[in-house]
N, C-alpha and C. Protein backbone atom coordinates (compact mmCIF):
# COMPACT_ATOMS: atom_id res chain seq x y z
N ALA A 1 249.01 201.61 83.88
CA ALA A 1 249.46 200.02 83.34
C ALA A 1 250.49 199.66 84.25
N ALA A 2 251.22 200.62 85.04
CA ALA A 2 252.41 200.18 85.58
C ALA A 2 251.90 199.64 87.14
N ARG A 3 250.58 200.22 87.38
CA ARG A 3 250.29 199.48 88.60
C ARG A 3 249.74 198.00 88.46
N LEU A 4 249.32 197.65 86.97
CA LEU A 4 248.48 196.53 86.88
C LEU A 4 249.76 195.68 86.49
N GLU A 5 250.87 196.03 86.25
CA GLU A 5 252.26 195.22 86.11
C GLU A 5 252.64 194.74 87.35
N ALA A 6 252.50 195.95 88.54
CA ALA A 6 252.83 195.61 89.61
C ALA A 6 252.33 194.62 90.34
N GLU A 7 250.93 194.66 90.16
CA GLU A 7 250.01 193.57 90.69
C GLU A 7 250.14 192.40 89.99
N LYS A 8 250.39 192.15 89.05
CA LYS A 8 250.72 191.09 88.35
C LYS A 8 251.87 190.49 88.89
N LYS A 9 252.73 191.10 89.11
CA LYS A 9 254.06 190.75 89.99
C LYS A 9 253.83 190.06 91.19
N VAL A 10 253.08 190.82 92.00
CA VAL A 10 252.72 190.41 93.30
C VAL A 10 252.06 189.12 93.33
N ASN A 11 251.24 189.11 92.37
CA ASN A 11 249.98 187.84 92.39
C ASN A 11 251.30 186.72 91.96
N ALA A 12 251.99 186.81 91.09
CA ALA A 12 253.08 185.94 90.45
C ALA A 12 253.91 185.41 91.74
N GLU A 13 254.10 186.53 92.49
CA GLU A 13 255.01 186.13 93.92
C GLU A 13 254.24 185.08 94.67
N ILE A 14 252.93 185.68 95.09
CA ILE A 14 251.82 184.91 95.81
C ILE A 14 251.84 183.59 95.41
N ALA A 15 251.50 183.56 93.67
CA ALA A 15 251.18 182.09 93.50
C ALA A 15 252.63 181.29 93.75
N LYS A 16 253.79 181.72 93.28
CA LYS A 16 254.93 180.89 93.36
C LYS A 16 254.98 180.54 95.00
N LYS A 17 254.94 181.30 95.88
CA LYS A 17 254.91 181.19 97.46
C LYS A 17 253.73 179.90 97.99
N VAL A 18 252.60 180.20 97.23
CA VAL A 18 251.65 179.05 97.24
C VAL A 18 252.11 177.62 96.83
N ALA A 19 252.51 177.80 95.45
CA ALA A 19 253.18 176.71 94.94
C ALA A 19 254.23 175.82 95.81
N GLU A 20 254.90 176.69 96.17
CA GLU A 20 256.16 176.09 96.96
C GLU A 20 255.63 175.49 98.20
N LYS A 21 254.72 176.05 98.95
CA LYS A 21 254.11 175.52 100.24
C LYS A 21 253.38 174.27 99.86
N LYS A 22 252.87 174.28 98.71
CA LYS A 22 251.71 173.10 98.40
C LYS A 22 253.19 171.94 97.83
N ALA A 23 254.20 172.07 96.86
CA ALA A 23 254.95 171.44 96.79
C ALA A 23 255.69 170.77 97.84
N ALA A 24 255.96 171.55 99.14
CA ALA A 24 256.45 171.13 100.32
C ALA A 24 255.45 170.19 100.96
N ALA A 25 254.48 170.50 101.05
CA ALA A 25 253.54 169.90 101.69
C ALA A 25 253.31 168.25 100.84
N GLU A 26 253.20 168.21 99.97
CA GLU A 26 252.94 166.99 99.21
C GLU A 26 254.45 166.07 99.11
N ALA A 27 255.42 166.62 99.11
CA ALA A 27 256.56 166.20 99.46
C ALA A 27 256.94 165.53 100.82
N ALA A 28 256.00 166.17 101.81
CA ALA A 28 256.17 165.70 103.44
C ALA A 28 255.26 164.51 103.16
N LYS A 29 254.11 164.68 102.63
CA LYS A 29 253.27 163.81 102.71
C LYS A 29 253.65 162.49 101.82
N ALA A 30 254.12 162.78 100.89
CA ALA A 30 255.03 161.45 99.96
C ALA A 30 256.06 160.80 101.01
N GLU A 31 256.74 161.73 101.57
CA GLU A 31 257.86 160.78 102.55
C GLU A 31 257.28 160.02 103.88
N ALA A 32 256.10 160.60 104.48
CA ALA A 32 255.32 160.10 105.57
C ALA A 32 254.80 158.89 104.92
N LEU A 33 254.25 158.82 103.79
CA LEU A 33 253.62 157.61 103.06
C LEU A 33 254.86 156.64 103.09
N LYS A 34 256.07 157.06 102.16
CA LYS A 34 256.99 156.04 102.10
C LYS A 34 257.52 155.50 103.40
N GLN A 35 257.69 156.07 104.78
CA GLN A 35 258.16 155.81 105.95
C GLN A 35 257.34 154.98 106.25
N ALA A 36 255.99 155.30 106.36
CA ALA A 36 254.71 154.25 107.06
C ALA A 36 254.76 152.78 105.90
N ALA A 37 255.06 153.28 104.65
CA ALA A 37 255.20 151.80 103.95
C ALA A 37 256.22 151.16 104.49
N GLU A 38 257.42 151.42 104.42
CA GLU A 38 258.82 150.87 104.93
C GLU A 38 258.44 150.24 106.18
N GLU A 39 257.82 150.97 107.21
CA GLU A 39 257.70 150.47 108.33
C GLU A 39 256.67 149.48 108.51
N ALA A 40 255.83 149.27 107.69
CA ALA A 40 254.92 148.22 107.50
C ALA A 40 255.37 147.07 106.84
N ALA A 41 256.31 147.24 105.91
CA ALA A 41 256.94 145.87 105.32
C ALA A 41 257.96 145.51 106.23
N ALA A 42 258.83 146.20 107.06
CA ALA A 42 259.59 145.73 108.28
C ALA A 42 258.77 145.03 108.87
N GLU A 43 257.50 145.16 109.47
CA GLU A 43 256.80 144.79 110.70
C GLU A 43 256.22 143.53 109.89
N ALA A 44 255.92 143.44 108.66
CA ALA A 44 255.24 142.26 108.19
C ALA A 44 256.81 141.17 107.72
N ALA A 45 258.06 141.90 107.51
CA ALA A 45 259.11 141.00 107.39
C ALA A 45 258.99 140.21 108.91
N ALA A 46 259.32 141.07 109.75
CA ALA A 46 259.21 140.51 110.89
C ALA A 46 258.21 139.60 111.63
N GLN A 47 257.23 140.00 111.08
CA GLN A 47 255.97 138.82 111.59
C GLN A 47 256.22 137.43 110.58
N ASN A 48 256.91 137.61 109.21
CA ASN A 48 256.57 136.39 108.22
C ASN A 48 258.29 135.72 108.71
N ALA A 49 258.97 136.25 109.54
CA ALA A 49 260.31 135.63 109.53
C ALA A 49 260.23 134.17 110.05
N PRO A 50 259.61 133.71 110.67
CA PRO A 50 259.26 132.09 111.22
C PRO A 50 258.77 131.30 110.22
N ILE A 51 257.90 131.89 109.26
CA ILE A 51 256.95 131.50 108.31
C ILE A 51 258.30 131.18 106.99
N ASP A 52 258.92 132.30 106.73
CA ASP A 52 260.02 132.39 105.60
C ASP A 52 260.92 131.24 105.89
N ALA A 53 261.63 131.22 106.85
CA ALA A 53 262.75 130.22 107.45
C ALA A 53 262.65 129.07 106.81
N PRO A 54 261.26 128.32 106.94
CA PRO A 54 261.44 126.75 106.45
C PRO A 54 261.26 126.74 105.19
N GLU A 55 260.59 127.72 104.72
CA GLU A 55 259.97 127.97 103.16
C GLU A 55 261.72 128.02 102.49
N ALA A 56 262.49 128.85 102.86
CA ALA A 56 263.79 129.27 102.42
C ALA A 56 264.33 128.01 101.44
N PRO A 57 264.90 126.78 102.16
CA PRO A 57 265.17 125.61 101.97
C PRO A 57 264.57 125.12 101.08
N GLU A 58 263.37 124.93 100.85
CA GLU A 58 262.30 124.40 100.13
C GLU A 58 262.50 125.22 98.66
N ALA A 59 262.91 126.16 99.00
CA ALA A 59 262.41 126.81 97.25
C ALA A 59 263.83 126.83 96.70
N GLU A 60 265.28 126.57 97.59
CA GLU A 60 266.34 126.55 97.12
C GLU A 60 266.35 124.85 96.64
N ALA A 61 265.87 123.96 97.13
CA ALA A 61 266.02 122.34 96.84
C ALA A 61 265.77 122.71 95.16
N PRO A 62 264.74 122.70 94.51
CA PRO A 62 264.73 122.57 93.39
C PRO A 62 265.95 123.07 92.29
N VAL A 63 266.14 124.04 92.88
CA VAL A 63 267.31 125.17 92.33
C VAL A 63 268.44 124.32 92.33
N GLU A 64 268.50 123.44 93.27
CA GLU A 64 270.10 122.62 93.86
C GLU A 64 270.09 121.43 93.07
N GLU A 65 268.63 120.72 92.95
CA GLU A 65 268.58 119.44 92.23
C GLU A 65 268.83 119.73 90.52
N THR A 66 268.44 120.62 89.93
CA THR A 66 268.48 120.76 88.42
C THR A 66 269.96 120.58 88.24
N PRO A 67 271.09 121.27 88.73
CA PRO A 67 272.46 120.80 88.29
C PRO A 67 272.54 119.27 88.36
N ALA A 68 272.25 118.71 89.75
CA ALA A 68 272.40 117.10 89.63
C ALA A 68 271.58 116.55 88.60
N GLU A 69 270.82 116.79 88.34
CA GLU A 69 269.92 115.92 87.01
C GLU A 69 270.69 116.34 85.78
N ALA A 70 270.94 117.49 85.26
CA ALA A 70 271.67 117.62 84.05
C ALA A 70 273.16 117.00 84.40
């Protein structure tokens, strides 16, 4: 019985280490995906900057007109 308990303890330790490694790998994967998404967003923003610039005043114009009408 003592040997069985010892084996259970060892298996639990191994399972814990495997789970920790898996969690660390998942965290690293998530971090890499997050970084890639941020880089893609920054790249898209850089490419869209000239397009967004003329749109910005147009988008603000109706907002500015509303107080004038009221």
